[in-house]
Amino acid sequence: MERENEQQVHEDLIGYLNNKFKYADSTPMFHIIPETLTTDRFTQINKNDINQSVKVLVKVLNLNGGSNSDVDLYELLQVYLRNPVQRQKINKLVKEVVYK
């Protein structure tokens, strides 16, 4: 998919989500990101945007929540996306488990 098309898909998706999900005061929950973020810029992602995205993931996968018993997708994704040092540790652990 071309970059222009990817940006348009992103913007269309944000528009759709903002029609489905709104804050109590009717303001949109999601924001258009003007360009694709590379991993060196993931630290700039707002924690609230990550949390709202987890809510969509929960709906897509039909989970009963993003933070239940031993699962906390909110904290996991906040740390994974916003902290490069911890991301490396998580990646290493996952590879150890997967390729054991």
PDB file of N, CA and C in Angstrom:
ATOM      1  N   MET A   1       0.844  -1.180   0.000  1.00  0.00           N
ATOM      2  CA  MET A   1       0.000   0.000   0.000  1.00  0.00           C
ATOM      3  C   MET A   1       0.889   1.243   0.000  1.00  0.00           C
ATOM      4  N   GLU A   2       0.580   2.198  -0.825  1.00  0.00           N
ATOM      5  CA  GLU A   2       1.356   3.422  -0.907  1.00  0.00           C
ATOM      6  C   GLU A   2       1.148   4.267   0.342  1.00  0.00           C
ATOM      7  N   ARG A   3       2.147   5.092   0.667  1.00  0.00           N
ATOM      8  CA  ARG A   3       2.078   5.964   1.852  1.00  0.00           C
ATOM      9  C   ARG A   3       0.832   6.841   1.817  1.00  0.00           C
ATOM     10  N   GLU A   4       0.524   7.416   0.662  1.00  0.00           N
ATOM     11  CA  GLU A   4      -0.652   8.274   0.566  1.00  0.00           C
ATOM     12  C   GLU A   4      -1.904   7.485   0.904  1.00  0.00           C
ATOM     13  N   ASN A   5      -1.998   6.265   0.395  1.00  0.00           N
ATOM     14  CA  ASN A   5      -3.159   5.437   0.678  1.00  0.00           C
ATOM     15  C   ASN A   5      -3.219   5.051   2.153  1.00  0.00           C
ATOM     16  N   GLU A   6      -2.048   4.756   2.743  1.00  0.00           N
ATOM     17  CA  GLU A   6      -2.014   4.414   4.172  1.00  0.00           C
ATOM     18  C   GLU A   6      -2.518   5.582   5.012  1.00  0.00           C
ATOM     19  N   GLN A   7      -2.108   6.798   4.671  1.00  0.00           N
ATOM     20  CA  GLN A   7      -2.559   7.971   5.413  1.00  0.00           C
ATOM     21  C   GLN A   7      -4.059   8.150   5.254  1.00  0.00           C
ATOM     22  N   GLN A   8      -4.566   7.932   4.054  1.00  0.00           N
ATOM     23  CA  GLN A   8      -6.004   8.072   3.825  1.00  0.00           C
ATOM     24  C   GLN A   8      -6.778   7.015   4.606  1.00  0.00           C
ATOM     25  N   VAL A   9      -6.266   5.792   4.638  1.00  0.00           N
ATOM     26  CA  VAL A   9      -6.911   4.727   5.417  1.00  0.00           C
ATOM     27  C   VAL A   9      -6.935   5.123   6.889  1.00  0.00           C
ATOM     28  N   HIS A  10      -5.805   5.625   7.394  1.00  0.00           N
ATOM     29  CA  HIS A  10      -5.728   6.078   8.789  1.00  0.00           C
ATOM     30  C   HIS A  10      -6.789   7.146   9.065  1.00  0.00           C
ATOM     31  N   GLU A  11      -6.853   8.143   8.202  1.00  0.00           N
ATOM     32  CA  GLU A  11      -7.802   9.235   8.405  1.00  0.00           C
ATOM     33  C   GLU A  11      -9.243   8.756   8.314  1.00  0.00           C
ATOM     34  N   ASP A  12      -9.531   7.860   7.375  1.00  0.00           N
ATOM     35  CA  ASP A  12     -10.879   7.296   7.255  1.00  0.00           C
ATOM     36  C   ASP A  12     -11.239   6.503   8.507  1.00  0.00           C
ATOM     37  N   LEU A  13     -10.286   5.716   8.988  1.00  0.00           N
ATOM     38  CA  LEU A  13     -10.527   4.911  10.191  1.00  0.00           C
ATOM     39  C   LEU A  13     -10.768   5.803  11.407  1.00  0.00           C
ATOM     40  N   ILE A  14      -9.979   6.851  11.564  1.00  0.00           N
ATOM     41  CA  ILE A  14     -10.174   7.782  12.677  1.00  0.00           C
ATOM     42  C   ILE A  14     -11.551   8.428  12.577  1.00  0.00           C
ATOM     43  N   GLY A  15     -11.948   8.812  11.381  1.00  0.00           N
ATOM     44  CA  GLY A  15     -13.282   9.391  11.191  1.00  0.00           C
ATOM     45  C   GLY A  15     -14.378   8.422  11.592  1.00  0.00           C
ATOM     46  N   TYR A  16     -14.240   7.176  11.173  1.00  0.00           N
ATOM     47  CA  TYR A  16     -15.226   6.158  11.527  1.00  0.00           C
ATOM     48  C   TYR A  16     -15.276   5.955  13.047  1.00  0.00           C
ATOM     49  N   LEU A  17     -14.110   5.809  13.659  1.00  0.00           N
ATOM     50  CA  LEU A  17     -14.067   5.584  15.105  1.00  0.00           C
ATOM     51  C   LEU A  17     -14.651   6.762  15.875  1.00  0.00           C
ATOM     52  N   ASN A  18     -14.387   7.965  15.411  1.00  0.00           N
ATOM     53  CA  ASN A  18     -14.933   9.135  16.096  1.00  0.00           C
ATOM     54  C   ASN A  18     -16.448   9.227  15.964  1.00  0.00           C
ATOM     55  N   ASN A  19     -17.013   8.601  14.930  1.00  0.00           N
ATOM     56  CA  ASN A  19     -18.471   8.529  14.825  1.00  0.00           C
ATOM     57  C   ASN A  19     -19.042   7.512  15.799  1.00  0.00           C
ATOM     58  N   LYS A  20     -18.264   6.492  16.134  1.00  0.00           N
ATOM     59  CA  LYS A  20     -18.732   5.425  17.022  1.00  0.00           C
ATOM     60  C   LYS A  20     -18.406   5.677  18.488  1.00  0.00           C
ATOM     61  N   PHE A  21     -17.280   6.320  18.741  1.00  0.00           N
ATOM     62  CA  PHE A  21     -16.818   6.535  20.111  1.00  0.00           C
ATOM     63  C   PHE A  21     -16.631   8.025  20.358  1.00  0.00           C
ATOM     64  N   LYS A  22     -17.280   8.519  21.402  1.00  0.00           N
ATOM     65  CA  LYS A  22     -17.128   9.920  21.785  1.00  0.00           C
ATOM     66  C   LYS A  22     -17.055  10.009  23.303  1.00  0.00           C
ATOM     67  N   TYR A  23     -16.424  11.072  23.776  1.00  0.00           N
ATOM     68  CA  TYR A  23     -16.433  11.354  25.210  1.00  0.00           C
ATOM     69  C   TYR A  23     -17.830  11.815  25.601  1.00  0.00           C
ATOM     70  N   ALA A  24     -18.094  11.878  26.890  1.00  0.00           N
ATOM     71  CA  ALA A  24     -19.411  12.281  27.392  1.00  0.00           C
ATOM     72  C   ALA A  24     -19.827  13.655  26.872  1.00  0.00           C
ATOM     73  N   ASP A  25     -18.854  14.533  26.654  1.00  0.00           N
ATOM     74  CA  ASP A  25     -19.183  15.875  26.148  1.00  0.00           C
ATOM     75  C   ASP A  25     -19.223  15.927  24.614  1.00  0.00           C
ATOM     76  N   SER A  26     -19.233  14.754  23.973  1.00  0.00           N
ATOM     77  CA  SER A  26     -19.329  14.597  22.520  1.00  0.00           C
ATOM     78  C   SER A  26     -18.059  14.959  21.746  1.00  0.00           C
ATOM     79  N   THR A  27     -16.966  15.215  22.431  1.00  0.00           N
ATOM     80  CA  THR A  27     -15.724  15.478  21.703  1.00  0.00           C
ATOM     81  C   THR A  27     -15.159  14.149  21.205  1.00  0.00           C
ATOM     82  N   PRO A  28     -14.456  14.169  20.070  1.00  0.00           N
ATOM     83  CA  PRO A  28     -13.922  12.925  19.519  1.00  0.00           C
ATOM     84  C   PRO A  28     -12.823  12.330  20.399  1.00  0.00           C
ATOM     85  N   MET A  29     -12.752  11.008  20.405  1.00  0.00           N
ATOM     86  CA  MET A  29     -11.747  10.305  21.219  1.00  0.00           C
ATOM     87  C   MET A  29     -10.423  10.146  20.497  1.00  0.00           C
ATOM     88  N   PHE A  30     -10.450  10.107  19.178  1.00  0.00           N
ATOM     89  CA  PHE A  30      -9.257   9.776  18.407  1.00  0.00           C
ATOM     90  C   PHE A  30      -8.783  10.970  17.605  1.00  0.00           C
ATOM     91  N   HIS A  31      -7.473  11.004  17.359  1.00  0.00           N
ATOM     92  CA  HIS A  31      -6.863  12.124  16.641  1.00  0.00           C
ATOM     93  C   HIS A  31      -6.144  11.616  15.401  1.00  0.00           C
ATOM     94  N   ILE A  32      -6.250  12.391  14.349  1.00  0.00           N
ATOM     95  CA  ILE A  32      -5.494  12.064  13.142  1.00  0.00           C
ATOM     96  C   ILE A  32      -4.022  12.377  13.402  1.00  0.00           C
ATOM     97  N   ILE A  33      -3.186  11.420  13.067  1.00  0.00           N
ATOM     98  CA  ILE A  33      -1.746  11.621  13.154  1.00  0.00           C
ATOM     99  C   ILE A  33      -1.303  11.951  11.730  1.00  0.00           C
ATOM    100  N   PRO A  34      -0.701  13.122  11.533  1.00  0.00           N
ATOM    101  CA  PRO A  34      -0.462  13.617  10.179  1.00  0.00           C
ATOM    102  C   PRO A  34       0.535  12.822   9.340  1.00  0.00           C
ATOM    103  N   GLU A  35       1.341  11.989   9.979  1.00  0.00           N
ATOM    104  CA  GLU A  35       2.284  11.168   9.219  1.00  0.00           C
ATOM    105  C   GLU A  35       2.575   9.893   9.989  1.00  0.00           C
ATOM    106  N   THR A  36       3.001   8.881   9.269  1.00  0.00           N
ATOM    107  CA  THR A  36       3.306   7.598   9.891  1.00  0.00           C
ATOM    108  C   THR A  36       4.466   7.767  10.860  1.00  0.00           C
ATOM    109  N   LEU A  37       4.286   7.261  12.066  1.00  0.00           N
ATOM    110  CA  LEU A  37       5.333   7.346  13.084  1.00  0.00           C
ATOM    111  C   LEU A  37       6.281   6.168  12.957  1.00  0.00           C
ATOM    112  N   THR A  38       7.561   6.465  12.968  1.00  0.00           N
ATOM    113  CA  THR A  38       8.571   5.418  13.009  1.00  0.00           C
ATOM    114  C   THR A  38       8.901   5.126  14.468  1.00  0.00           C
ATOM    115  N   THR A  39       9.551   4.001  14.728  1.00  0.00           N
ATOM    116  CA  THR A  39       9.768   3.572  16.116  1.00  0.00           C
ATOM    117  C   THR A  39      10.517   4.604  16.949  1.00  0.00           C
ATOM    118  N   ASP A  40      11.354   5.401  16.338  1.00  0.00           N
ATOM    119  CA  ASP A  40      12.075   6.420  17.109  1.00  0.00           C
ATOM    120  C   ASP A  40      11.147   7.542  17.591  1.00  0.00           C
ATOM    121  N   ARG A  41       9.913   7.551  17.097  1.00  0.00           N
ATOM    122  CA  ARG A  41       8.953   8.587  17.508  1.00  0.00           C
ATOM    123  C   ARG A  41       7.774   8.026  18.297  1.00  0.00           C
ATOM    124  N   PHE A  42       7.791   6.742  18.591  1.00  0.00           N
ATOM    125  CA  PHE A  42       6.703   6.141  19.368  1.00  0.00           C
ATOM    126  C   PHE A  42       6.578   6.781  20.746  1.00  0.00           C
ATOM    127  N   THR A  43       7.676   7.292  21.285  1.00  0.00           N
ATOM    128  CA  THR A  43       7.631   7.923  22.608  1.00  0.00           C
ATOM    129  C   THR A  43       6.712   9.138  22.630  1.00  0.00           C
ATOM    130  N   GLN A  44       6.405   9.672  21.466  1.00  0.00           N
ATOM    131  CA  GLN A  44       5.547  10.855  21.371  1.00  0.00           C
ATOM    132  C   GLN A  44       4.058  10.506  21.446  1.00  0.00           C
ATOM    133  N   ILE A  45       3.733   9.233  21.369  1.00  0.00           N
ATOM    134  CA  ILE A  45       2.319   8.847  21.388  1.00  0.00           C
ATOM    135  C   ILE A  45       1.739   9.136  22.762  1.00  0.00           C
ATOM    136  N   ASN A  46       0.633   9.805  22.767  1.00  0.00           N
ATOM    137  CA  ASN A  46      -0.052  10.176  23.996  1.00  0.00           C
ATOM    138  C   ASN A  46      -0.619   8.933  24.681  1.00  0.00           C
ATOM    139  N   LYS A  47      -0.443   8.831  25.989  1.00  0.00           N
ATOM    140  CA  LYS A  47      -0.946   7.677  26.743  1.00  0.00           C
ATOM    141  C   LYS A  47      -2.456   7.518  26.580  1.00  0.00           C
ATOM    142  N   ASN A  48      -3.165   8.630  26.563  1.00  0.00           N
ATOM    143  CA  ASN A  48      -4.615   8.564  26.407  1.00  0.00           C
ATOM    144  C   ASN A  48      -4.989   7.969  25.048  1.00  0.00           C
ATOM    145  N   ASP A  49      -4.234   8.306  24.010  1.00  0.00           N
ATOM    146  CA  ASP A  49      -4.493   7.740  22.679  1.00  0.00           C
ATOM    147  C   ASP A  49      -4.242   6.234  22.680  1.00  0.00           C
ATOM    148  N   ILE A  50      -3.204   5.802  23.392  1.00  0.00           N
ATOM    149  CA  ILE A  50      -2.947   4.360  23.519  1.00  0.00           C
ATOM    150  C   ILE A  50      -4.123   3.686  24.218  1.00  0.00           C
ATOM    151  N   ASN A  51      -4.588   4.281  25.301  1.00  0.00           N
ATOM    152  CA  ASN A  51      -5.699   3.688  26.052  1.00  0.00           C
ATOM    153  C   ASN A  51      -6.977   3.602  25.217  1.00  0.00           C
ATOM    154  N   GLN A  52      -7.254   4.643  24.428  1.00  0.00           N
ATOM    155  CA  GLN A  52      -8.445   4.606  23.575  1.00  0.00           C
ATOM    156  C   GLN A  52      -8.294   3.529  22.509  1.00  0.00           C
ATOM    157  N   SER A  53      -7.086   3.342  22.003  1.00  0.00           N
ATOM    158  CA  SER A  53      -6.826   2.309  20.999  1.00  0.00           C
ATOM    159  C   SER A  53      -6.998   0.911  21.577  1.00  0.00           C
ATOM    160  N   VAL A  54      -6.628   0.740  22.841  1.00  0.00           N
ATOM    161  CA  VAL A  54      -6.836  -0.555  23.500  1.00  0.00           C
ATOM    162  C   VAL A  54      -8.329  -0.863  23.561  1.00  0.00           C
ATOM    163  N   LYS A  55      -9.140   0.138  23.804  1.00  0.00           N
ATOM    164  CA  LYS A  55     -10.592  -0.072  23.851  1.00  0.00           C
ATOM    165  C   LYS A  55     -11.111  -0.598  22.513  1.00  0.00           C
ATOM    166  N   VAL A  56     -10.543  -0.109  21.416  1.00  0.00           N
ATOM    167  CA  VAL A  56     -10.946  -0.601  20.095  1.00  0.00           C
ATOM    168  C   VAL A  56     -10.465  -2.037  19.912  1.00  0.00           C
ATOM    169  N   LEU A  57      -9.225  -2.322  20.304  1.00  0.00           N
ATOM    170  CA  LEU A  57      -8.693  -3.690  20.219  1.00  0.00           C
ATOM    171  C   LEU A  57      -9.573  -4.657  21.001  1.00  0.00           C
ATOM    172  N   VAL A  58      -9.997  -4.250  22.180  1.00  0.00           N
ATOM    173  CA  VAL A  58     -10.883  -5.085  23.007  1.00  0.00           C
ATOM    174  C   VAL A  58     -12.180  -5.382  22.262  1.00  0.00           C
ATOM    175  N   LYS A  59     -12.736  -4.377  21.601  1.00  0.00           N
ATOM    176  CA  LYS A  59     -13.982  -4.579  20.829  1.00  0.00           C
ATOM    177  C   LYS A  59     -13.743  -5.499  19.630  1.00  0.00           C
ATOM    178  N   VAL A  60     -12.637  -5.286  18.917  1.00  0.00           N
ATOM    179  CA  VAL A  60     -12.349  -6.092  17.720  1.00  0.00           C
ATOM    180  C   VAL A  60     -12.179  -7.562  18.091  1.00  0.00           C
ATOM    181  N   LEU A  61     -11.496  -7.821  19.204  1.00  0.00           N
ATOM    182  CA  LEU A  61     -11.241  -9.205  19.624  1.00  0.00           C
ATOM    183  C   LEU A  61     -12.335  -9.762  20.530  1.00  0.00           C
ATOM    184  N   ASN A  62     -13.345  -8.932  20.828  1.00  0.00           N
ATOM    185  CA  ASN A  62     -14.473  -9.326  21.665  1.00  0.00           C
ATOM    186  C   ASN A  62     -14.020  -9.822  23.041  1.00  0.00           C
ATOM    187  N   LEU A  63     -13.069  -9.085  23.622  1.00  0.00           N
ATOM    188  CA  LEU A  63     -12.563  -9.401  24.950  1.00  0.00           C
ATOM    189  C   LEU A  63     -13.474  -8.757  25.998  1.00  0.00           C
ATOM    190  N   ASN A  64     -13.422  -9.288  27.208  1.00  0.00           N
ATOM    191  CA  ASN A  64     -14.265  -8.697  28.255  1.00  0.00           C
ATOM    192  C   ASN A  64     -13.612  -7.471  28.886  1.00  0.00           C
ATOM    193  N   GLY A  65     -12.432  -7.101  28.453  1.00  0.00           N
ATOM    194  CA  GLY A  65     -11.785  -5.880  28.929  1.00  0.00           C
ATOM    195  C   GLY A  65     -10.313  -5.884  28.591  1.00  0.00           C
ATOM    196  N   GLY A  66      -9.694  -4.740  28.742  1.00  0.00           N
ATOM    197  CA  GLY A  66      -8.274  -4.609  28.466  1.00  0.00           C
ATOM    198  C   GLY A  66      -7.409  -4.725  29.700  1.00  0.00           C
ATOM    199  N   SER A  67      -8.068  -4.814  30.849  1.00  0.00           N
ATOM    200  CA  SER A  67      -7.343  -4.930  32.115  1.00  0.00           C
ATOM    201  C   SER A  67      -8.143  -5.859  33.022  1.00  0.00           C
ATOM    202  N   ASN A  68      -7.790  -7.134  32.981  1.00  0.00           N
ATOM    203  CA  ASN A  68      -8.493  -8.147  33.764  1.00  0.00           C
ATOM    204  C   ASN A  68      -7.489  -9.106  34.375  1.00  0.00           C
ATOM    205  N   SER A  69      -7.654  -9.420  35.623  1.00  0.00           N
ATOM    206  CA  SER A  69      -6.793 -10.355  36.359  1.00  0.00           C
ATOM    207  C   SER A  69      -5.326 -10.186  35.975  1.00  0.00           C
ATOM    208  N   ASP A  70      -4.757 -11.099  35.211  1.00  0.00           N
ATOM    209  CA  ASP A  70      -3.325 -11.036  34.898  1.00  0.00           C
ATOM    210  C   ASP A  70      -3.029 -10.367  33.552  1.00  0.00           C
ATOM    211  N   VAL A  71      -4.014  -9.720  32.944  1.00  0.00           N
ATOM    212  CA  VAL A  71      -3.834  -9.048  31.646  1.00  0.00           C
ATOM    213  C   VAL A  71      -4.042  -7.544  31.838  1.00  0.00           C
ATOM    214  N   ASP A  72      -3.061  -6.759  31.417  1.00  0.00           N
ATOM    215  CA  ASP A  72      -3.229  -5.304  31.415  1.00  0.00           C
ATOM    216  C   ASP A  72      -2.655  -4.751  30.124  1.00  0.00           C
ATOM    217  N   LEU A  73      -3.499  -4.721  29.099  1.00  0.00           N
ATOM    218  CA  LEU A  73      -3.072  -4.236  27.792  1.00  0.00           C
ATOM    219  C   LEU A  73      -2.753  -2.747  27.803  1.00  0.00           C
ATOM    220  N   TYR A  74      -3.413  -2.006  28.690  1.00  0.00           N
ATOM    221  CA  TYR A  74      -3.166  -0.570  28.779  1.00  0.00           C
ATOM    222  C   TYR A  74      -1.709  -0.305  29.169  1.00  0.00           C
ATOM    223  N   GLU A  75      -1.294  -0.867  30.299  1.00  0.00           N
ATOM    224  CA  GLU A  75       0.082  -0.656  30.751  1.00  0.00           C
ATOM    225  C   GLU A  75       1.095  -1.275  29.800  1.00  0.00           C
ATOM    226  N   LEU A  76       0.790  -2.465  29.305  1.00  0.00           N
ATOM    227  CA  LEU A  76       1.709  -3.135  28.391  1.00  0.00           C
ATOM    228  C   LEU A  76       1.999  -2.265  27.171  1.00  0.00           C
ATOM    229  N   LEU A  77       0.954  -1.764  26.532  1.00  0.00           N
ATOM    230  CA  LEU A  77       1.153  -0.973  25.323  1.00  0.00           C
ATOM    231  C   LEU A  77       1.756   0.397  25.615  1.00  0.00           C
ATOM    232  N   GLN A  78       1.410   0.979  26.754  1.00  0.00           N
ATOM    233  CA  GLN A  78       2.036   2.253  27.127  1.00  0.00           C
ATOM    234  C   GLN A  78       3.542   2.081  27.273  1.00  0.00           C
ATOM    235  N   VAL A  79       3.946   1.061  28.019  1.00  0.00           N
ATOM    236  CA  VAL A  79       5.372   0.822  28.228  1.00  0.00           C
ATOM    237  C   VAL A  79       6.032   0.409  26.925  1.00  0.00           C
ATOM    238  N   TYR A  80       5.428  -0.520  26.212  1.00  0.00           N
ATOM    239  CA  TYR A  80       6.030  -1.049  24.984  1.00  0.00           C
ATOM    240  C   TYR A  80       6.247   0.043  23.945  1.00  0.00           C
ATOM    241  N   LEU A  81       5.277   0.895  23.757  1.00  0.00           N
ATOM    242  CA  LEU A  81       5.385   1.914  22.720  1.00  0.00           C
ATOM    243  C   LEU A  81       6.206   3.120  23.151  1.00  0.00           C
ATOM    244  N   ARG A  82       6.123   3.496  24.413  1.00  0.00           N
ATOM    245  CA  ARG A  82       6.720   4.763  24.843  1.00  0.00           C
ATOM    246  C   ARG A  82       8.097   4.640  25.500  1.00  0.00           C
ATOM    247  N   ASN A  83       8.544   3.409  25.786  1.00  0.00           N
ATOM    248  CA  ASN A  83       9.814   3.238  26.485  1.00  0.00           C
ATOM    249  C   ASN A  83      10.715   2.269  25.707  1.00  0.00           C
ATOM    250  N   PRO A  84      11.628   2.794  24.900  1.00  0.00           N
ATOM    251  CA  PRO A  84      12.457   1.939  24.051  1.00  0.00           C
ATOM    252  C   PRO A  84      13.285   0.905  24.819  1.00  0.00           C
ATOM    253  N   VAL A  85      13.781   1.259  25.987  1.00  0.00           N
ATOM    254  CA  VAL A  85      14.588   0.319  26.776  1.00  0.00           C
ATOM    255  C   VAL A  85      13.728  -0.863  27.217  1.00  0.00           C
ATOM    256  N   GLN A  86      12.547  -0.574  27.715  1.00  0.00           N
ATOM    257  CA  GLN A  86      11.649  -1.647  28.146  1.00  0.00           C
ATOM    258  C   GLN A  86      11.144  -2.454  26.950  1.00  0.00           C
ATOM    259  N   ARG A  87      10.973  -1.794  25.794  1.00  0.00           N
ATOM    260  CA  ARG A  87      10.542  -2.496  24.584  1.00  0.00           C
ATOM    261  C   ARG A  87      11.569  -3.564  24.201  1.00  0.00           C
ATOM    262  N   GLN A  88      12.844  -3.220  24.294  1.00  0.00           N
ATOM    263  CA  GLN A  88      13.892  -4.197  23.992  1.00  0.00           C
ATOM    264  C   GLN A  88      13.826  -5.387  24.945  1.00  0.00           C
ATOM    265  N   LYS A  89      13.567  -5.111  26.214  1.00  0.00           N
ATOM    266  CA  LYS A  89      13.465  -6.194  27.206  1.00  0.00           C
ATOM    267  C   LYS A  89      12.263  -7.090  26.908  1.00  0.00           C
ATOM    268  N   ILE A  90      11.150  -6.475  26.570  1.00  0.00           N
ATOM    269  CA  ILE A  90       9.946  -7.239  26.247  1.00  0.00           C
ATOM    270  C   ILE A  90      10.183  -8.075  24.998  1.00  0.00           C
ATOM    271  N   ASN A  91      10.795  -7.479  23.979  1.00  0.00           N
ATOM    272  CA  ASN A  91      11.092  -8.220  22.748  1.00  0.00           C
ATOM    273  C   ASN A  91      11.998  -9.416  23.035  1.00  0.00           C
ATOM    274  N   LYS A  92      13.005  -9.212  23.849  1.00  0.00           N
ATOM    275  CA  LYS A  92      13.932 -10.291  24.196  1.00  0.00           C
ATOM    276  C   LYS A  92      13.186 -11.420  24.910  1.00  0.00           C
ATOM    277  N   LEU A  93      12.337 -11.059  25.856  1.00  0.00           N
ATOM    278  CA  LEU A  93      11.563 -12.068  26.592  1.00  0.00           C
ATOM    279  C   LEU A  93      10.641 -12.839  25.658  1.00  0.00           C
ATOM    280  N   VAL A  94       9.964 -12.138  24.781  1.00  0.00           N
ATOM    281  CA  VAL A  94       9.052 -12.794  23.837  1.00  0.00           C
ATOM    282  C   VAL A  94       9.821 -13.764  22.934  1.00  0.00           C
ATOM    283  N   LYS A  95      10.964 -13.340  22.435  1.00  0.00           N
ATOM    284  CA  LYS A  95      11.766 -14.211  21.579  1.00  0.00           C
ATOM    285  C   LYS A  95      12.246 -15.442  22.334  1.00  0.00           C
ATOM    286  N   GLU A  96      12.599 -15.260  23.600  1.00  0.00           N
ATOM    287  CA  GLU A  96      13.025 -16.413  24.418  1.00  0.00           C
ATOM    288  C   GLU A  96      11.887 -17.414  24.569  1.00  0.00           C
ATOM    289  N   VAL A  97      10.692 -16.923  24.737  1.00  0.00           N
ATOM    290  CA  VAL A  97       9.530 -17.796  24.931  1.00  0.00           C
ATOM    291  C   VAL A  97       9.137 -18.464  23.605  1.00  0.00           C
ATOM    292  N   VAL A  98       9.093 -17.693  22.551  1.00  0.00           N
ATOM    293  CA  VAL A  98       8.655 -18.207  21.247  1.00  0.00           C
ATOM    294  C   VAL A  98       9.655 -19.178  20.649  1.00  0.00           C
ATOM    295  N   TYR A  99      10.936 -18.858  20.755  1.00  0.00           N
ATOM    296  CA  TYR A  99      11.972 -19.663  20.103  1.00  0.00           C
ATOM    297  C   TYR A  99      12.719 -20.561  21.083  1.00  0.00           C
ATOM    298  N   LYS A 100      12.116 -20.879  22.158  1.00  0.00           N
ATOM    299  CA  LYS A 100      12.690 -21.704  23.222  1.00  0.00           C
ATOM    300  C   LYS A 100      13.073 -23.074  22.737  1.00  0.00           C
TER     301      LYS A 100
END
